[in-house]
Amino acid sequence: MTSAAKAAGARPLLIGMKLPPNYGPAYTRQFENVFAEVAKAEGALLVPFFFEGSARTAAAFQPDRIHPTEATQAKLLDNVWPTLERMLTRR
């Protein structure tokens, strides 16, 4: 996807995710590392973890425990905005 975005003239921003620990430490670590590896290979900026500061807070998520609540959206913006702002101001 990052290659396609770049081919279309866009500057991709990768937003990293993490898996719950029940996937096992090796797979969890590999999954998390993919975001940094792709960002480096593609020359893209990276937000390491979208849910930083919210992931362990049950109240931050809807009852499905996957999707963030409306109240959490501001925190997600706080996590992404510094990197996105750099992209927007850098030409």
PDB file of N, CA and C in Angstrom:
ATOM      1  N   MET A   1       0.818  -1.194   0.000  1.00  0.00           N
ATOM      2  CA  MET A   1       0.000   0.000   0.000  1.00  0.00           C
ATOM      3  C   MET A   1       0.863   1.259   0.000  1.00  0.00           C
ATOM      4  N   THR A   2       1.964   1.218   0.745  1.00  0.00           N
ATOM      5  CA  THR A   2       2.817   2.405   0.752  1.00  0.00           C
ATOM      6  C   THR A   2       3.436   2.643  -0.616  1.00  0.00           C
ATOM      7  N   SER A   3       3.808   1.577  -1.307  1.00  0.00           N
ATOM      8  CA  SER A   3       4.364   1.720  -2.655  1.00  0.00           C
ATOM      9  C   SER A   3       3.329   2.304  -3.609  1.00  0.00           C
ATOM     10  N   ALA A   4       2.103   1.826  -3.529  1.00  0.00           N
ATOM     11  CA  ALA A   4       1.035   2.336  -4.387  1.00  0.00           C
ATOM     12  C   ALA A   4       0.745   3.797  -4.079  1.00  0.00           C
ATOM     13  N   ALA A   5       0.748   4.137  -2.797  1.00  0.00           N
ATOM     14  CA  ALA A   5       0.506   5.532  -2.416  1.00  0.00           C
ATOM     15  C   ALA A   5       1.600   6.432  -2.973  1.00  0.00           C
ATOM     16  N   LYS A   6       2.840   6.010  -2.836  1.00  0.00           N
ATOM     17  CA  LYS A   6       3.950   6.803  -3.359  1.00  0.00           C
ATOM     18  C   LYS A   6       3.885   6.916  -4.875  1.00  0.00           C
ATOM     19  N   ALA A   7       3.519   5.823  -5.546  1.00  0.00           N
ATOM     20  CA  ALA A   7       3.406   5.842  -7.008  1.00  0.00           C
ATOM     21  C   ALA A   7       2.335   6.822  -7.472  1.00  0.00           C
ATOM     22  N   ALA A   8       1.335   7.041  -6.615  1.00  0.00           N
ATOM     23  CA  ALA A   8       0.262   7.983  -6.944  1.00  0.00           C
ATOM     24  C   ALA A   8       0.614   9.412  -6.533  1.00  0.00           C
ATOM     25  N   GLY A   9       1.808   9.603  -5.987  1.00  0.00           N
ATOM     26  CA  GLY A   9       2.242  10.937  -5.601  1.00  0.00           C
ATOM     27  C   GLY A   9       1.926  11.322  -4.166  1.00  0.00           C
ATOM     28  N   ALA A  10       1.433  10.387  -3.383  1.00  0.00           N
ATOM     29  CA  ALA A  10       1.104  10.668  -1.987  1.00  0.00           C
ATOM     30  C   ALA A  10       2.298  10.355  -1.086  1.00  0.00           C
ATOM     31  N   ARG A  11       2.299  10.970   0.069  1.00  0.00           N
ATOM     32  CA  ARG A  11       3.307  10.669   1.078  1.00  0.00           C
ATOM     33  C   ARG A  11       2.633   9.848   2.178  1.00  0.00           C
ATOM     34  N   PRO A  12       2.927   8.567   2.258  1.00  0.00           N
ATOM     35  CA  PRO A  12       2.235   7.725   3.238  1.00  0.00           C
ATOM     36  C   PRO A  12       2.704   7.981   4.668  1.00  0.00           C
ATOM     37  N   LEU A  13       1.788   7.832   5.577  1.00  0.00           N
ATOM     38  CA  LEU A  13       2.058   7.886   7.013  1.00  0.00           C
ATOM     39  C   LEU A  13       1.580   6.566   7.586  1.00  0.00           C
ATOM     40  N   LEU A  14       2.494   5.798   8.140  1.00  0.00           N
ATOM     41  CA  LEU A  14       2.118   4.532   8.755  1.00  0.00           C
ATOM     42  C   LEU A  14       1.743   4.762  10.210  1.00  0.00           C
ATOM     43  N   ILE A  15       0.660   4.142  10.608  1.00  0.00           N
ATOM     44  CA  ILE A  15       0.185   4.251  11.984  1.00  0.00           C
ATOM     45  C   ILE A  15       0.199   2.849  12.570  1.00  0.00           C
ATOM     46  N   GLY A  16       1.140   2.628  13.464  1.00  0.00           N
ATOM     47  CA  GLY A  16       1.377   1.300  14.009  1.00  0.00           C
ATOM     48  C   GLY A  16       0.303   0.828  14.967  1.00  0.00           C
ATOM     49  N   MET A  17       0.185  -0.472  15.002  1.00  0.00           N
ATOM     50  CA  MET A  17      -0.739  -1.143  15.919  1.00  0.00           C
ATOM     51  C   MET A  17       0.033  -2.222  16.664  1.00  0.00           C
ATOM     52  N   LYS A  18      -0.567  -2.672  17.743  1.00  0.00           N
ATOM     53  CA  LYS A  18      -0.012  -3.776  18.514  1.00  0.00           C
ATOM     54  C   LYS A  18      -1.100  -4.813  18.694  1.00  0.00           C
ATOM     55  N   LEU A  19      -0.675  -6.035  18.913  1.00  0.00           N
ATOM     56  CA  LEU A  19      -1.606  -7.130  19.149  1.00  0.00           C
ATOM     57  C   LEU A  19      -1.724  -7.414  20.641  1.00  0.00           C
ATOM     58  N   PRO A  20      -2.842  -7.998  21.049  1.00  0.00           N
ATOM     59  CA  PRO A  20      -2.929  -8.430  22.440  1.00  0.00           C
ATOM     60  C   PRO A  20      -1.927  -9.554  22.698  1.00  0.00           C
ATOM     61  N   PRO A  21      -1.514  -9.733  23.928  1.00  0.00           N
ATOM     62  CA  PRO A  21      -0.465 -10.715  24.236  1.00  0.00           C
ATOM     63  C   PRO A  21      -0.860 -12.170  23.973  1.00  0.00           C
ATOM     64  N   ASN A  22      -2.135 -12.452  23.811  1.00  0.00           N
ATOM     65  CA  ASN A  22      -2.533 -13.840  23.611  1.00  0.00           C
ATOM     66  C   ASN A  22      -2.084 -14.411  22.262  1.00  0.00           C
ATOM     67  N   TYR A  23      -1.525 -13.589  21.397  1.00  0.00           N
ATOM     68  CA  TYR A  23      -0.983 -14.079  20.134  1.00  0.00           C
ATOM     69  C   TYR A  23       0.408 -14.674  20.310  1.00  0.00           C
ATOM     70  N   GLY A  24       0.978 -14.524  21.483  1.00  0.00           N
ATOM     71  CA  GLY A  24       2.315 -15.044  21.760  1.00  0.00           C
ATOM     72  C   GLY A  24       3.372 -13.992  21.515  1.00  0.00           C
ATOM     73  N   PRO A  25       4.455 -14.051  22.295  1.00  0.00           N
ATOM     74  CA  PRO A  25       5.477 -13.000  22.227  1.00  0.00           C
ATOM     75  C   PRO A  25       6.187 -12.904  20.878  1.00  0.00           C
ATOM     76  N   ALA A  26       6.487 -14.018  20.246  1.00  0.00           N
ATOM     77  CA  ALA A  26       7.223 -13.962  18.980  1.00  0.00           C
ATOM     78  C   ALA A  26       6.374 -13.313  17.886  1.00  0.00           C
ATOM     79  N   TYR A  27       5.145 -13.752  17.735  1.00  0.00           N
ATOM     80  CA  TYR A  27       4.279 -13.202  16.687  1.00  0.00           C
ATOM     81  C   TYR A  27       3.952 -11.739  16.972  1.00  0.00           C
ATOM     82  N   THR A  28       3.690 -11.432  18.224  1.00  0.00           N
ATOM     83  CA  THR A  28       3.379 -10.055  18.621  1.00  0.00           C
ATOM     84  C   THR A  28       4.536  -9.123  18.274  1.00  0.00           C
ATOM     85  N   ARG A  29       5.745  -9.547  18.583  1.00  0.00           N
ATOM     86  CA  ARG A  29       6.941  -8.739  18.296  1.00  0.00           C
ATOM     87  C   ARG A  29       7.127  -8.572  16.783  1.00  0.00           C
ATOM     88  N   GLN A  30       6.952  -9.654  16.024  1.00  0.00           N
ATOM     89  CA  GLN A  30       7.092  -9.570  14.572  1.00  0.00           C
ATOM     90  C   GLN A  30       6.054  -8.615  13.979  1.00  0.00           C
ATOM     91  N   PHE A  31       4.828  -8.723  14.463  1.00  0.00           N
ATOM     92  CA  PHE A  31       3.756  -7.845  13.977  1.00  0.00           C
ATOM     93  C   PHE A  31       4.107  -6.387  14.236  1.00  0.00           C
ATOM     94  N   GLU A  32       4.526  -6.079  15.440  1.00  0.00           N
ATOM     95  CA  GLU A  32       4.864  -4.696  15.793  1.00  0.00           C
ATOM     96  C   GLU A  32       6.043  -4.175  14.976  1.00  0.00           C
ATOM     97  N   ASN A  33       7.022  -5.032  14.715  1.00  0.00           N
ATOM     98  CA  ASN A  33       8.215  -4.609  13.984  1.00  0.00           C
ATOM     99  C   ASN A  33       7.940  -4.314  12.511  1.00  0.00           C
ATOM    100  N   VAL A  34       6.905  -4.913  11.953  1.00  0.00           N
ATOM    101  CA  VAL A  34       6.602  -4.716  10.528  1.00  0.00           C
ATOM    102  C   VAL A  34       6.388  -3.246  10.206  1.00  0.00           C
ATOM    103  N   PHE A  35       5.729  -2.521  11.068  1.00  0.00           N
ATOM    104  CA  PHE A  35       5.440  -1.114  10.795  1.00  0.00           C
ATOM    105  C   PHE A  35       6.730  -0.304  10.644  1.00  0.00           C
ATOM    106  N   ALA A  36       7.669  -0.510  11.563  1.00  0.00           N
ATOM    107  CA  ALA A  36       8.944   0.210  11.487  1.00  0.00           C
ATOM    108  C   ALA A  36       9.753  -0.231  10.274  1.00  0.00           C
ATOM    109  N   GLU A  37       9.714  -1.518   9.960  1.00  0.00           N
ATOM    110  CA  GLU A  37      10.458  -2.028   8.813  1.00  0.00           C
ATOM    111  C   GLU A  37       9.916  -1.439   7.504  1.00  0.00           C
ATOM    112  N   VAL A  38       8.605  -1.410   7.352  1.00  0.00           N
ATOM    113  CA  VAL A  38       8.003  -0.861   6.136  1.00  0.00           C
ATOM    114  C   VAL A  38       8.278   0.642   6.052  1.00  0.00           C
ATOM    115  N   ALA A  39       8.136   1.338   7.170  1.00  0.00           N
ATOM    116  CA  ALA A  39       8.400   2.783   7.166  1.00  0.00           C
ATOM    117  C   ALA A  39       9.830   3.065   6.723  1.00  0.00           C
ATOM    118  N   LYS A  40      10.764   2.313   7.234  1.00  0.00           N
ATOM    119  CA  LYS A  40      12.165   2.515   6.864  1.00  0.00           C
ATOM    120  C   LYS A  40      12.389   2.185   5.387  1.00  0.00           C
ATOM    121  N   ALA A  41      11.869   1.053   4.943  1.00  0.00           N
ATOM    122  CA  ALA A  41      12.067   0.625   3.554  1.00  0.00           C
ATOM    123  C   ALA A  41      11.421   1.587   2.563  1.00  0.00           C
ATOM    124  N   GLU A  42      10.307   2.171   2.948  1.00  0.00           N
ATOM    125  CA  GLU A  42       9.563   3.047   2.037  1.00  0.00           C
ATOM    126  C   GLU A  42       9.845   4.532   2.253  1.00  0.00           C
ATOM    127  N   GLY A  43      10.647   4.847   3.262  1.00  0.00           N
ATOM    128  CA  GLY A  43      10.927   6.251   3.553  1.00  0.00           C
ATOM    129  C   GLY A  43       9.703   6.992   4.049  1.00  0.00           C
ATOM    130  N   ALA A  44       8.848   6.287   4.766  1.00  0.00           N
ATOM    131  CA  ALA A  44       7.612   6.879   5.281  1.00  0.00           C
ATOM    132  C   ALA A  44       7.771   7.238   6.750  1.00  0.00           C
ATOM    133  N   LEU A  45       7.001   8.196   7.190  1.00  0.00           N
ATOM    134  CA  LEU A  45       6.973   8.509   8.614  1.00  0.00           C
ATOM    135  C   LEU A  45       6.087   7.500   9.324  1.00  0.00           C
ATOM    136  N   LEU A  46       6.305   7.362  10.621  1.00  0.00           N
ATOM    137  CA  LEU A  46       5.611   6.351  11.408  1.00  0.00           C
ATOM    138  C   LEU A  46       5.142   6.907  12.736  1.00  0.00           C
ATOM    139  N   VAL A  47       3.890   6.640  13.058  1.00  0.00           N
ATOM    140  CA  VAL A  47       3.375   6.815  14.413  1.00  0.00           C
ATOM    141  C   VAL A  47       3.454   5.409  15.007  1.00  0.00           C
ATOM    142  N   PRO A  48       4.323   5.168  15.981  1.00  0.00           N
ATOM    143  CA  PRO A  48       4.568   3.804  16.432  1.00  0.00           C
ATOM    144  C   PRO A  48       3.338   3.037  16.927  1.00  0.00           C
ATOM    145  N   PHE A  49       2.431   3.712  17.657  1.00  0.00           N
ATOM    146  CA  PHE A  49       1.279   2.990  18.192  1.00  0.00           C
ATOM    147  C   PHE A  49       0.092   3.935  18.302  1.00  0.00           C
ATOM    148  N   PHE A  50      -0.907   3.682  17.487  1.00  0.00           N
ATOM    149  CA  PHE A  50      -2.098   4.534  17.419  1.00  0.00           C
ATOM    150  C   PHE A  50      -2.775   4.712  18.774  1.00  0.00           C
ATOM    151  N   PHE A  51      -2.861   3.645  19.551  1.00  0.00           N
ATOM    152  CA  PHE A  51      -3.586   3.682  20.822  1.00  0.00           C
ATOM    153  C   PHE A  51      -2.695   3.966  22.030  1.00  0.00           C
ATOM    154  N   GLU A  52      -1.541   4.578  21.806  1.00  0.00           N
ATOM    155  CA  GLU A  52      -0.647   4.918  22.911  1.00  0.00           C
ATOM    156  C   GLU A  52      -1.409   5.722  23.958  1.00  0.00           C
ATOM    157  N   GLY A  53      -1.310   5.287  25.218  1.00  0.00           N
ATOM    158  CA  GLY A  53      -1.984   5.976  26.308  1.00  0.00           C
ATOM    159  C   GLY A  53      -3.439   5.582  26.500  1.00  0.00           C
ATOM    160  N   SER A  54      -3.971   4.758  25.592  1.00  0.00           N
ATOM    161  CA  SER A  54      -5.374   4.341  25.697  1.00  0.00           C
ATOM    162  C   SER A  54      -5.545   2.825  25.707  1.00  0.00           C
ATOM    163  N   ALA A  55      -4.576   2.102  25.213  1.00  0.00           N
ATOM    164  CA  ALA A  55      -4.735   0.671  24.960  1.00  0.00           C
ATOM    165  C   ALA A  55      -5.134  -0.133  26.186  1.00  0.00           C
ATOM    166  N   ARG A  56      -4.674   0.263  27.332  1.00  0.00           N
ATOM    167  CA  ARG A  56      -4.955  -0.515  28.546  1.00  0.00           C
ATOM    168  C   ARG A  56      -6.103   0.062  29.372  1.00  0.00           C
ATOM    169  N   THR A  57      -6.823   0.999  28.787  1.00  0.00           N
ATOM    170  CA  THR A  57      -7.940   1.635  29.476  1.00  0.00           C
ATOM    171  C   THR A  57      -9.242   1.117  28.886  1.00  0.00           C
ATOM    172  N   ALA A  58      -9.941   0.272  29.629  1.00  0.00           N
ATOM    173  CA  ALA A  58     -11.177  -0.342  29.121  1.00  0.00           C
ATOM    174  C   ALA A  58     -12.203   0.708  28.708  1.00  0.00           C
ATOM    175  N   ALA A  59     -12.284   1.802  29.432  1.00  0.00           N
ATOM    176  CA  ALA A  59     -13.270   2.843  29.130  1.00  0.00           C
ATOM    177  C   ALA A  59     -12.990   3.541  27.803  1.00  0.00           C
ATOM    178  N   ALA A  60     -11.800   3.351  27.241  1.00  0.00           N
ATOM    179  CA  ALA A  60     -11.454   3.982  25.970  1.00  0.00           C
ATOM    180  C   ALA A  60     -12.069   3.256  24.778  1.00  0.00           C
ATOM    181  N   PHE A  61     -12.656   2.087  25.031  1.00  0.00           N
ATOM    182  CA  PHE A  61     -13.168   1.264  23.936  1.00  0.00           C
ATOM    183  C   PHE A  61     -14.647   0.959  24.108  1.00  0.00           C
ATOM    184  N   GLN A  62     -15.277   0.724  22.963  1.00  0.00           N
ATOM    185  CA  GLN A  62     -16.670   0.315  22.952  1.00  0.00           C
ATOM    186  C   GLN A  62     -16.774  -1.096  23.537  1.00  0.00           C
ATOM    187  N   PRO A  63     -17.992  -1.594  23.790  1.00  0.00           N
ATOM    188  CA  PRO A  63     -18.141  -2.922  24.395  1.00  0.00           C
ATOM    189  C   PRO A  63     -17.448  -4.053  23.639  1.00  0.00           C
ATOM    190  N   ASP A  64     -17.186  -3.883  22.338  1.00  0.00           N
ATOM    191  CA  ASP A  64     -16.486  -4.939  21.602  1.00  0.00           C
ATOM    192  C   ASP A  64     -15.004  -5.014  21.959  1.00  0.00           C
ATOM    193  N   ARG A  65     -14.508  -4.027  22.719  1.00  0.00           N
ATOM    194  CA  ARG A  65     -13.119  -3.937  23.183  1.00  0.00           C
ATOM    195  C   ARG A  65     -12.120  -3.824  22.031  1.00  0.00           C
ATOM    196  N   ILE A  66     -12.609  -3.416  20.870  1.00  0.00           N
ATOM    197  CA  ILE A  66     -11.756  -3.233  19.691  1.00  0.00           C
ATOM    198  C   ILE A  66     -11.788  -1.785  19.223  1.00  0.00           C
ATOM    199  N   HIS A  67     -12.983  -1.250  19.100  1.00  0.00           N
ATOM    200  CA  HIS A  67     -13.156   0.083  18.531  1.00  0.00           C
ATOM    201  C   HIS A  67     -13.179   1.146  19.632  1.00  0.00           C
ATOM    202  N   PRO A  68     -12.443   2.231  19.423  1.00  0.00           N
ATOM    203  CA  PRO A  68     -12.397   3.289  20.436  1.00  0.00           C
ATOM    204  C   PRO A  68     -13.727   4.024  20.545  1.00  0.00           C
ATOM    205  N   THR A  69     -13.951   4.589  21.701  1.00  0.00           N
ATOM    206  CA  THR A  69     -15.154   5.388  21.929  1.00  0.00           C
ATOM    207  C   THR A  69     -14.972   6.776  21.313  1.00  0.00           C
ATOM    208  N   GLU A  70     -16.060   7.486  21.245  1.00  0.00           N
ATOM    209  CA  GLU A  70     -16.005   8.860  20.750  1.00  0.00           C
ATOM    210  C   GLU A  70     -15.070   9.702  21.612  1.00  0.00           C
ATOM    211  N   ALA A  71     -15.120   9.491  22.916  1.00  0.00           N
ATOM    212  CA  ALA A  71     -14.287  10.272  23.834  1.00  0.00           C
ATOM    213  C   ALA A  71     -12.791  10.014  23.623  1.00  0.00           C
ATOM    214  N   THR A  72     -12.445   8.880  23.078  1.00  0.00           N
ATOM    215  CA  THR A  72     -11.037   8.528  22.854  1.00  0.00           C
ATOM    216  C   THR A  72     -10.469   9.192  21.609  1.00  0.00           C
ATOM    217  N   GLN A  73     -11.312   9.680  20.732  1.00  0.00           N
ATOM    218  CA  GLN A  73     -10.855  10.239  19.461  1.00  0.00           C
ATOM    219  C   GLN A  73      -9.850  11.373  19.643  1.00  0.00           C
ATOM    220  N   ALA A  74     -10.050  12.201  20.645  1.00  0.00           N
ATOM    221  CA  ALA A  74      -9.109  13.313  20.870  1.00  0.00           C
ATOM    222  C   ALA A  74      -7.717  12.793  21.204  1.00  0.00           C
ATOM    223  N   LYS A  75      -7.641  11.726  21.969  1.00  0.00           N
ATOM    224  CA  LYS A  75      -6.337  11.136  22.317  1.00  0.00           C
ATOM    225  C   LYS A  75      -5.675  10.546  21.069  1.00  0.00           C
ATOM    226  N   LEU A  76      -6.463   9.912  20.221  1.00  0.00           N
ATOM    227  CA  LEU A  76      -5.910   9.354  18.985  1.00  0.00           C
ATOM    228  C   LEU A  76      -5.359  10.473  18.101  1.00  0.00           C
ATOM    229  N   LEU A  77      -6.076  11.573  18.034  1.00  0.00           N
ATOM    230  CA  LEU A  77      -5.588  12.733  17.292  1.00  0.00           C
ATOM    231  C   LEU A  77      -4.275  13.224  17.893  1.00  0.00           C
ATOM    232  N   ASP A  78      -4.207  13.290  19.215  1.00  0.00           N
ATOM    233  CA  ASP A  78      -2.968  13.713  19.877  1.00  0.00           C
ATOM    234  C   ASP A  78      -1.801  12.801  19.508  1.00  0.00           C
ATOM    235  N   ASN A  79      -2.084  11.521  19.302  1.00  0.00           N
ATOM    236  CA  ASN A  79      -1.030  10.571  18.957  1.00  0.00           C
ATOM    237  C   ASN A  79      -0.540  10.742  17.518  1.00  0.00           C
ATOM    238  N   VAL A  80      -1.435  11.126  16.633  1.00  0.00           N
ATOM    239  CA  VAL A  80      -1.097  11.210  15.214  1.00  0.00           C
ATOM    240  C   VAL A  80      -0.666  12.616  14.794  1.00  0.00           C
ATOM    241  N   TRP A  81      -1.281  13.630  15.359  1.00  0.00           N
ATOM    242  CA  TRP A  81      -1.099  14.992  14.867  1.00  0.00           C
ATOM    243  C   TRP A  81       0.348  15.465  14.788  1.00  0.00           C
ATOM    244  N   PRO A  82       1.204  15.253  15.788  1.00  0.00           N
ATOM    245  CA  PRO A  82       2.564  15.784  15.661  1.00  0.00           C
ATOM    246  C   PRO A  82       3.292  15.286  14.409  1.00  0.00           C
ATOM    247  N   THR A  83       3.127  14.024  14.081  1.00  0.00           N
ATOM    248  CA  THR A  83       3.784  13.472  12.894  1.00  0.00           C
ATOM    249  C   THR A  83       3.102  13.947  11.622  1.00  0.00           C
ATOM    250  N   LEU A  84       1.782  13.954  11.628  1.00  0.00           N
ATOM    251  CA  LEU A  84       1.034  14.415  10.455  1.00  0.00           C
ATOM    252  C   LEU A  84       1.318  15.889  10.190  1.00  0.00           C
ATOM    253  N   GLU A  85       1.380  16.678  11.226  1.00  0.00           N
ATOM    254  CA  GLU A  85       1.665  18.111  11.057  1.00  0.00           C
ATOM    255  C   GLU A  85       3.036  18.319  10.402  1.00  0.00           C
ATOM    256  N   ARG A  86       4.022  17.528  10.833  1.00  0.00           N
ATOM    257  CA  ARG A  86       5.345  17.613  10.207  1.00  0.00           C
ATOM    258  C   ARG A  86       5.273  17.317   8.715  1.00  0.00           C
ATOM    259  N   MET A  87       4.464  16.312   8.367  1.00  0.00           N
ATOM    260  CA  MET A  87       4.313  15.959   6.958  1.00  0.00           C
ATOM    261  C   MET A  87       3.667  17.095   6.176  1.00  0.00           C
ATOM    262  N   LEU A  88       2.689  17.728   6.764  1.00  0.00           N
ATOM    263  CA  LEU A  88       1.952  18.774   6.076  1.00  0.00           C
ATOM    264  C   LEU A  88       2.750  20.058   5.904  1.00  0.00           C
ATOM    265  N   THR A  89       3.681  20.298   6.807  1.00  0.00           N
ATOM    266  CA  THR A  89       4.464  21.526   6.740  1.00  0.00           C
ATOM    267  C   THR A  89       5.800  21.326   6.020  1.00  0.00           C
ATOM    268  N   ARG A  90       6.153  20.092   5.746  1.00  0.00           N
ATOM    269  CA  ARG A  90       7.394  19.776   5.064  1.00  0.00           C
ATOM    270  C   ARG A  90       7.103  19.512   3.591  1.00  0.00           C
ATOM    271  N   ARG A  91       7.708  20.211   2.746  1.00  0.00           N
ATOM    272  CA  ARG A  91       7.463  20.044   1.301  1.00  0.00           C
ATOM    273  C   ARG A  91       8.666  19.494   0.625  1.00  0.00           C
TER     274      ARG A  91
END
